[in-house]
Amino acid sequence: MPIKSKKIVGTQDVLVNLKPQEKKALALKARLHGVTPSDFVRLALNQYFMNAVLDTKLDAKRRRVSSLVE
């Protein structure tokens, strides 16, 4: 899910673009990996955990959609 209008240059750019629910999901995933959320994003920017960050955004969207359906 690339951000077309802005080039991501650092962790703050990623964290600013996340919605509150996505931030909570990111914090949980970061805790599972034993790092802070900003370190988790930094690692993602280095391609180590990019799929996990993308999955976090997708998981948050699925939860939002499922909560609307219920």
PDB file of N, CA and C in Angstrom:
ATOM      1  N   MET A   1       0.843  -1.172   0.000  1.00  0.00           N
ATOM      2  CA  MET A   1       0.000   0.000   0.000  1.00  0.00           C
ATOM      3  C   MET A   1       0.895   1.245   0.000  1.00  0.00           C
ATOM      4  N   PRO A   2       1.463   1.598  -1.152  1.00  0.00           N
ATOM      5  CA  PRO A   2       2.402   2.719  -1.196  1.00  0.00           C
ATOM      6  C   PRO A   2       1.705   4.064  -1.016  1.00  0.00           C
ATOM      7  N   ILE A   3       2.411   4.989  -0.424  1.00  0.00           N
ATOM      8  CA  ILE A   3       1.912   6.355  -0.295  1.00  0.00           C
ATOM      9  C   ILE A   3       2.412   7.111  -1.518  1.00  0.00           C
ATOM     10  N   LYS A   4       1.484   7.500  -2.390  1.00  0.00           N
ATOM     11  CA  LYS A   4       1.868   8.058  -3.678  1.00  0.00           C
ATOM     12  C   LYS A   4       2.280   9.522  -3.595  1.00  0.00           C
ATOM     13  N   SER A   5       1.634  10.285  -2.713  1.00  0.00           N
ATOM     14  CA  SER A   5       1.865  11.719  -2.713  1.00  0.00           C
ATOM     15  C   SER A   5       3.143  12.125  -1.991  1.00  0.00           C
ATOM     16  N   LYS A   6       3.717  11.237  -1.192  1.00  0.00           N
ATOM     17  CA  LYS A   6       4.856  11.629  -0.374  1.00  0.00           C
ATOM     18  C   LYS A   6       5.839  10.476  -0.261  1.00  0.00           C
ATOM     19  N   LYS A   7       7.095  10.778  -0.415  1.00  0.00           N
ATOM     20  CA  LYS A   7       8.122   9.757  -0.254  1.00  0.00           C
ATOM     21  C   LYS A   7       8.396   9.575   1.239  1.00  0.00           C
ATOM     22  N   ILE A   8       8.385   8.329   1.687  1.00  0.00           N
ATOM     23  CA  ILE A   8       8.665   8.049   3.088  1.00  0.00           C
ATOM     24  C   ILE A   8      10.170   8.150   3.305  1.00  0.00           C
ATOM     25  N   VAL A   9      10.545   8.999   4.249  1.00  0.00           N
ATOM     26  CA  VAL A   9      11.972   9.189   4.496  1.00  0.00           C
ATOM     27  C   VAL A   9      12.386   8.729   5.886  1.00  0.00           C
ATOM     28  N   GLY A  10      11.439   8.491   6.789  1.00  0.00           N
ATOM     29  CA  GLY A  10      11.802   8.081   8.141  1.00  0.00           C
ATOM     30  C   GLY A  10      10.621   7.523   8.904  1.00  0.00           C
ATOM     31  N   THR A  11      10.904   7.102  10.126  1.00  0.00           N
ATOM     32  CA  THR A  11       9.865   6.466  10.934  1.00  0.00           C
ATOM     33  C   THR A  11       8.732   7.429  11.261  1.00  0.00           C
ATOM     34  N   GLN A  12       9.046   8.704  11.482  1.00  0.00           N
ATOM     35  CA  GLN A  12       7.997   9.659  11.829  1.00  0.00           C
ATOM     36  C   GLN A  12       6.988   9.817  10.691  1.00  0.00           C
ATOM     37  N   ASP A  13       7.455   9.749   9.454  1.00  0.00           N
ATOM     38  CA  ASP A  13       6.543   9.836   8.310  1.00  0.00           C
ATOM     39  C   ASP A  13       5.545   8.688   8.327  1.00  0.00           C
ATOM     40  N   VAL A  14       6.018   7.507   8.686  1.00  0.00           N
ATOM     41  CA  VAL A  14       5.128   6.343   8.747  1.00  0.00           C
ATOM     42  C   VAL A  14       4.152   6.498   9.904  1.00  0.00           C
ATOM     43  N   LEU A  15       4.669   6.838  11.078  1.00  0.00           N
ATOM     44  CA  LEU A  15       3.832   6.928  12.271  1.00  0.00           C
ATOM     45  C   LEU A  15       2.769   8.021  12.140  1.00  0.00           C
ATOM     46  N   VAL A  16       3.103   9.113  11.468  1.00  0.00           N
ATOM     47  CA  VAL A  16       2.147  10.207  11.285  1.00  0.00           C
ATOM     48  C   VAL A  16       1.007   9.775  10.361  1.00  0.00           C
ATOM     49  N   ASN A  17       1.302   8.924   9.393  1.00  0.00           N
ATOM     50  CA  ASN A  17       0.289   8.513   8.419  1.00  0.00           C
ATOM     51  C   ASN A  17      -0.617   7.384   8.907  1.00  0.00           C
ATOM     52  N   LEU A  18      -0.375   6.852  10.106  1.00  0.00           N
ATOM     53  CA  LEU A  18      -1.203   5.770  10.619  1.00  0.00           C
ATOM     54  C   LEU A  18      -2.408   6.315  11.358  1.00  0.00           C
ATOM     55  N   LYS A  19      -3.530   5.601  11.233  1.00  0.00           N
ATOM     56  CA  LYS A  19      -4.724   5.935  11.998  1.00  0.00           C
ATOM     57  C   LYS A  19      -4.561   5.381  13.418  1.00  0.00           C
ATOM     58  N   PRO A  20      -5.327   5.889  14.395  1.00  0.00           N
ATOM     59  CA  PRO A  20      -5.171   5.431  15.790  1.00  0.00           C
ATOM     60  C   PRO A  20      -5.271   3.917  15.955  1.00  0.00           C
ATOM     61  N   GLN A  21      -6.215   3.290  15.269  1.00  0.00           N
ATOM     62  CA  GLN A  21      -6.367   1.835  15.387  1.00  0.00           C
ATOM     63  C   GLN A  21      -5.154   1.110  14.799  1.00  0.00           C
ATOM     64  N   GLU A  22      -4.604   1.668  13.727  1.00  0.00           N
ATOM     65  CA  GLU A  22      -3.407   1.076  13.125  1.00  0.00           C
ATOM     66  C   GLU A  22      -2.199   1.235  14.044  1.00  0.00           C
ATOM     67  N   LYS A  23      -2.130   2.353  14.765  1.00  0.00           N
ATOM     68  CA  LYS A  23      -1.032   2.567  15.712  1.00  0.00           C
ATOM     69  C   LYS A  23      -1.085   1.532  16.832  1.00  0.00           C
ATOM     70  N   LYS A  24      -2.302   1.225  17.316  1.00  0.00           N
ATOM     71  CA  LYS A  24      -2.445   0.215  18.372  1.00  0.00           C
ATOM     72  C   LYS A  24      -2.002  -1.151  17.865  1.00  0.00           C
ATOM     73  N   ALA A  25      -2.411  -1.486  16.647  1.00  0.00           N
ATOM     74  CA  ALA A  25      -2.022  -2.775  16.070  1.00  0.00           C
ATOM     75  C   ALA A  25      -0.513  -2.833  15.865  1.00  0.00           C
ATOM     76  N   LEU A  26       0.080  -1.729  15.434  1.00  0.00           N
ATOM     77  CA  LEU A  26       1.532  -1.672  15.249  1.00  0.00           C
ATOM     78  C   LEU A  26       2.250  -1.848  16.586  1.00  0.00           C
ATOM     79  N   ALA A  27       1.732  -1.220  17.635  1.00  0.00           N
ATOM     80  CA  ALA A  27       2.348  -1.343  18.959  1.00  0.00           C
ATOM     81  C   ALA A  27       2.308  -2.797  19.433  1.00  0.00           C
ATOM     82  N   LEU A  28       1.185  -3.480  19.182  1.00  0.00           N
ATOM     83  CA  LEU A  28       1.084  -4.891  19.580  1.00  0.00           C
ATOM     84  C   LEU A  28       2.076  -5.756  18.815  1.00  0.00           C
ATOM     85  N   LYS A  29       2.168  -5.544  17.505  1.00  0.00           N
ATOM     86  CA  LYS A  29       3.113  -6.333  16.706  1.00  0.00           C
ATOM     87  C   LYS A  29       4.549  -6.042  17.112  1.00  0.00           C
ATOM     88  N   ALA A  30       4.853  -4.778  17.410  1.00  0.00           N
ATOM     89  CA  ALA A  30       6.204  -4.415  17.834  1.00  0.00           C
ATOM     90  C   ALA A  30       6.538  -5.114  19.153  1.00  0.00           C
ATOM     91  N   ARG A  31       5.571  -5.145  20.073  1.00  0.00           N
ATOM     92  CA  ARG A  31       5.786  -5.811  21.356  1.00  0.00           C
ATOM     93  C   ARG A  31       6.039  -7.300  21.158  1.00  0.00           C
ATOM     94  N   LEU A  32       5.349  -7.910  20.211  1.00  0.00           N
ATOM     95  CA  LEU A  32       5.565  -9.332  19.922  1.00  0.00           C
ATOM     96  C   LEU A  32       6.997  -9.591  19.455  1.00  0.00           C
ATOM     97  N   HIS A  33       7.559  -8.629  18.732  1.00  0.00           N
ATOM     98  CA  HIS A  33       8.932  -8.774  18.235  1.00  0.00           C
ATOM     99  C   HIS A  33       9.958  -8.251  19.236  1.00  0.00           C
ATOM    100  N   GLY A  34       9.490  -7.702  20.361  1.00  0.00           N
ATOM    101  CA  GLY A  34      10.392  -7.239  21.407  1.00  0.00           C
ATOM    102  C   GLY A  34      11.104  -5.932  21.108  1.00  0.00           C
ATOM    103  N   VAL A  35      10.484  -5.074  20.309  1.00  0.00           N
ATOM    104  CA  VAL A  35      11.084  -3.770  19.999  1.00  0.00           C
ATOM    105  C   VAL A  35      10.039  -2.676  20.211  1.00  0.00           C
ATOM    106  N   THR A  36      10.485  -1.424  20.200  1.00  0.00           N
ATOM    107  CA  THR A  36       9.538  -0.306  20.310  1.00  0.00           C
ATOM    108  C   THR A  36       8.875  -0.097  18.942  1.00  0.00           C
ATOM    109  N   PRO A  37       7.689   0.532  18.925  1.00  0.00           N
ATOM    110  CA  PRO A  37       7.019   0.765  17.635  1.00  0.00           C
ATOM    111  C   PRO A  37       7.881   1.538  16.634  1.00  0.00           C
ATOM    112  N   SER A  38       8.619   2.546  17.093  1.00  0.00           N
ATOM    113  CA  SER A  38       9.446   3.304  16.140  1.00  0.00           C
ATOM    114  C   SER A  38      10.601   2.448  15.612  1.00  0.00           C
ATOM    115  N   ASP A  39      11.178   1.585  16.470  1.00  0.00           N
ATOM    116  CA  ASP A  39      12.215   0.669  15.997  1.00  0.00           C
ATOM    117  C   ASP A  39      11.637  -0.329  15.004  1.00  0.00           C
ATOM    118  N   PHE A  40      10.410  -0.785  15.293  1.00  0.00           N
ATOM    119  CA  PHE A  40       9.728  -1.733  14.408  1.00  0.00           C
ATOM    120  C   PHE A  40       9.544  -1.113  13.024  1.00  0.00           C
ATOM    121  N   VAL A  41       9.117   0.153  12.990  1.00  0.00           N
ATOM    122  CA  VAL A  41       8.933   0.844  11.710  1.00  0.00           C
ATOM    123  C   VAL A  41      10.276   1.056  11.028  1.00  0.00           C
ATOM    124  N   ARG A  42      11.307   1.409  11.796  1.00  0.00           N
ATOM    125  CA  ARG A  42      12.644   1.604  11.215  1.00  0.00           C
ATOM    126  C   ARG A  42      13.123   0.310  10.565  1.00  0.00           C
ATOM    127  N   LEU A  43      12.894  -0.803  11.251  1.00  0.00           N
ATOM    128  CA  LEU A  43      13.267  -2.100  10.676  1.00  0.00           C
ATOM    129  C   LEU A  43      12.450  -2.381   9.416  1.00  0.00           C
ATOM    130  N   ALA A  44      11.190  -1.990   9.444  1.00  0.00           N
ATOM    131  CA  ALA A  44      10.343  -2.193   8.268  1.00  0.00           C
ATOM    132  C   ALA A  44      10.868  -1.382   7.086  1.00  0.00           C
ATOM    133  N   LEU A  45      11.310  -0.167   7.389  1.00  0.00           N
ATOM    134  CA  LEU A  45      11.857   0.661   6.312  1.00  0.00           C
ATOM    135  C   LEU A  45      13.135   0.051   5.753  1.00  0.00           C
ATOM    136  N   ASN A  46      13.795  -0.742   6.555  1.00  0.00           N
ATOM    137  CA  ASN A  46      14.999  -1.440   6.095  1.00  0.00           C
ATOM    138  C   ASN A  46      14.655  -2.787   5.460  1.00  0.00           C
ATOM    139  N   GLN A  47      13.373  -3.021   5.190  1.00  0.00           N
ATOM    140  CA  GLN A  47      12.867  -4.209   4.501  1.00  0.00           C
ATOM    141  C   GLN A  47      12.816  -5.483   5.349  1.00  0.00           C
ATOM    142  N   TYR A  48      13.187  -5.438   6.626  1.00  0.00           N
ATOM    143  CA  TYR A  48      13.141  -6.651   7.428  1.00  0.00           C
ATOM    144  C   TYR A  48      11.714  -7.052   7.785  1.00  0.00           C
ATOM    145  N   PHE A  49      10.897  -6.048   8.157  1.00  0.00           N
ATOM    146  CA  PHE A  49       9.545  -6.355   8.608  1.00  0.00           C
ATOM    147  C   PHE A  49       8.486  -5.645   7.773  1.00  0.00           C
ATOM    148  N   MET A  50       8.774  -5.324   6.516  1.00  0.00           N
ATOM    149  CA  MET A  50       7.823  -4.566   5.699  1.00  0.00           C
ATOM    150  C   MET A  50       6.485  -5.294   5.573  1.00  0.00           C
ATOM    151  N   ASN A  51       6.515  -6.597   5.391  1.00  0.00           N
ATOM    152  CA  ASN A  51       5.262  -7.343   5.279  1.00  0.00           C
ATOM    153  C   ASN A  51       4.455  -7.255   6.559  1.00  0.00           C
ATOM    154  N   ALA A  52       5.114  -7.245   7.711  1.00  0.00           N
ATOM    155  CA  ALA A  52       4.401  -7.148   8.981  1.00  0.00           C
ATOM    156  C   ALA A  52       3.709  -5.792   9.112  1.00  0.00           C
ATOM    157  N   VAL A  53       4.360  -4.727   8.663  1.00  0.00           N
ATOM    158  CA  VAL A  53       3.728  -3.407   8.722  1.00  0.00           C
ATOM    159  C   VAL A  53       2.525  -3.372   7.796  1.00  0.00           C
ATOM    160  N   LEU A  54       2.675  -3.903   6.593  1.00  0.00           N
ATOM    161  CA  LEU A  54       1.553  -3.926   5.660  1.00  0.00           C
ATOM    162  C   LEU A  54       0.414  -4.782   6.204  1.00  0.00           C
ATOM    163  N   ASP A  55       0.762  -5.928   6.817  1.00  0.00           N
ATOM    164  CA  ASP A  55      -0.255  -6.774   7.433  1.00  0.00           C
ATOM    165  C   ASP A  55      -0.965  -6.037   8.557  1.00  0.00           C
ATOM    166  N   THR A  56      -0.249  -5.218   9.310  1.00  0.00           N
ATOM    167  CA  THR A  56      -0.853  -4.444  10.399  1.00  0.00           C
ATOM    168  C   THR A  56      -1.924  -3.524   9.843  1.00  0.00           C
ATOM    169  N   LYS A  57      -1.616  -2.844   8.745  1.00  0.00           N
ATOM    170  CA  LYS A  57      -2.601  -1.947   8.151  1.00  0.00           C
ATOM    171  C   LYS A  57      -3.807  -2.742   7.645  1.00  0.00           C
ATOM    172  N   LEU A  58      -3.560  -3.893   7.024  1.00  0.00           N
ATOM    173  CA  LEU A  58      -4.660  -4.711   6.513  1.00  0.00           C
ATOM    174  C   LEU A  58      -5.491  -5.283   7.651  1.00  0.00           C
ATOM    175  N   ASP A  59      -4.833  -5.748   8.733  1.00  0.00           N
ATOM    176  CA  ASP A  59      -5.563  -6.269   9.888  1.00  0.00           C
ATOM    177  C   ASP A  59      -6.469  -5.206  10.483  1.00  0.00           C
ATOM    178  N   ALA A  60      -5.954  -3.992  10.607  1.00  0.00           N
ATOM    179  CA  ALA A  60      -6.745  -2.901  11.165  1.00  0.00           C
ATOM    180  C   ALA A  60      -7.946  -2.600  10.277  1.00  0.00           C
ATOM    181  N   LYS A  61      -7.740  -2.630   8.960  1.00  0.00           N
ATOM    182  CA  LYS A  61      -8.855  -2.375   8.047  1.00  0.00           C
ATOM    183  C   LYS A  61      -9.894  -3.489   8.147  1.00  0.00           C
ATOM    184  N   ARG A  62      -9.430  -4.744   8.236  1.00  0.00           N
ATOM    185  CA  ARG A  62     -10.375  -5.860   8.355  1.00  0.00           C
ATOM    186  C   ARG A  62     -11.194  -5.739   9.635  1.00  0.00           C
ATOM    187  N   ARG A  63     -10.542  -5.331  10.737  1.00  0.00           N
ATOM    188  CA  ARG A  63     -11.265  -5.172  11.999  1.00  0.00           C
ATOM    189  C   ARG A  63     -12.293  -4.060  11.890  1.00  0.00           C
ATOM    190  N   ARG A  64     -11.921  -2.950  11.223  1.00  0.00           N
ATOM    191  CA  ARG A  64     -12.871  -1.851  11.054  1.00  0.00           C
ATOM    192  C   ARG A  64     -14.075  -2.315  10.247  1.00  0.00           C
ATOM    193  N   VAL A  65     -13.816  -3.041   9.161  1.00  0.00           N
ATOM    194  CA  VAL A  65     -14.911  -3.510   8.303  1.00  0.00           C
ATOM    195  C   VAL A  65     -15.781  -4.510   9.062  1.00  0.00           C
ATOM    196  N   SER A  66     -15.151  -5.448   9.782  1.00  0.00           N
ATOM    197  CA  SER A  66     -15.941  -6.449  10.492  1.00  0.00           C
ATOM    198  C   SER A  66     -16.750  -5.809  11.616  1.00  0.00           C
ATOM    199  N   SER A  67     -16.227  -4.754  12.257  1.00  0.00           N
ATOM    200  CA  SER A  67     -16.997  -4.099  13.308  1.00  0.00           C
ATOM    201  C   SER A  67     -18.185  -3.345  12.712  1.00  0.00           C
ATOM    202  N   LEU A  68     -18.047  -2.858  11.472  1.00  0.00           N
ATOM    203  CA  LEU A  68     -19.168  -2.195  10.816  1.00  0.00           C
ATOM    204  C   LEU A  68     -20.242  -3.200  10.412  1.00  0.00           C
ATOM    205  N   VAL A  69     -19.816  -4.417  10.039  1.00  0.00           N
ATOM    206  CA  VAL A  69     -20.757  -5.443   9.596  1.00  0.00           C
ATOM    207  C   VAL A  69     -21.568  -5.986  10.772  1.00  0.00           C
ATOM    208  N   GLU A  70     -20.925  -6.077  11.939  1.00  0.00           N
ATOM    209  CA  GLU A  70     -21.607  -6.640  13.113  1.00  0.00           C
ATOM    210  C   GLU A  70     -22.697  -5.799  13.599  1.00  0.00           C
TER     211      GLU A  70
END
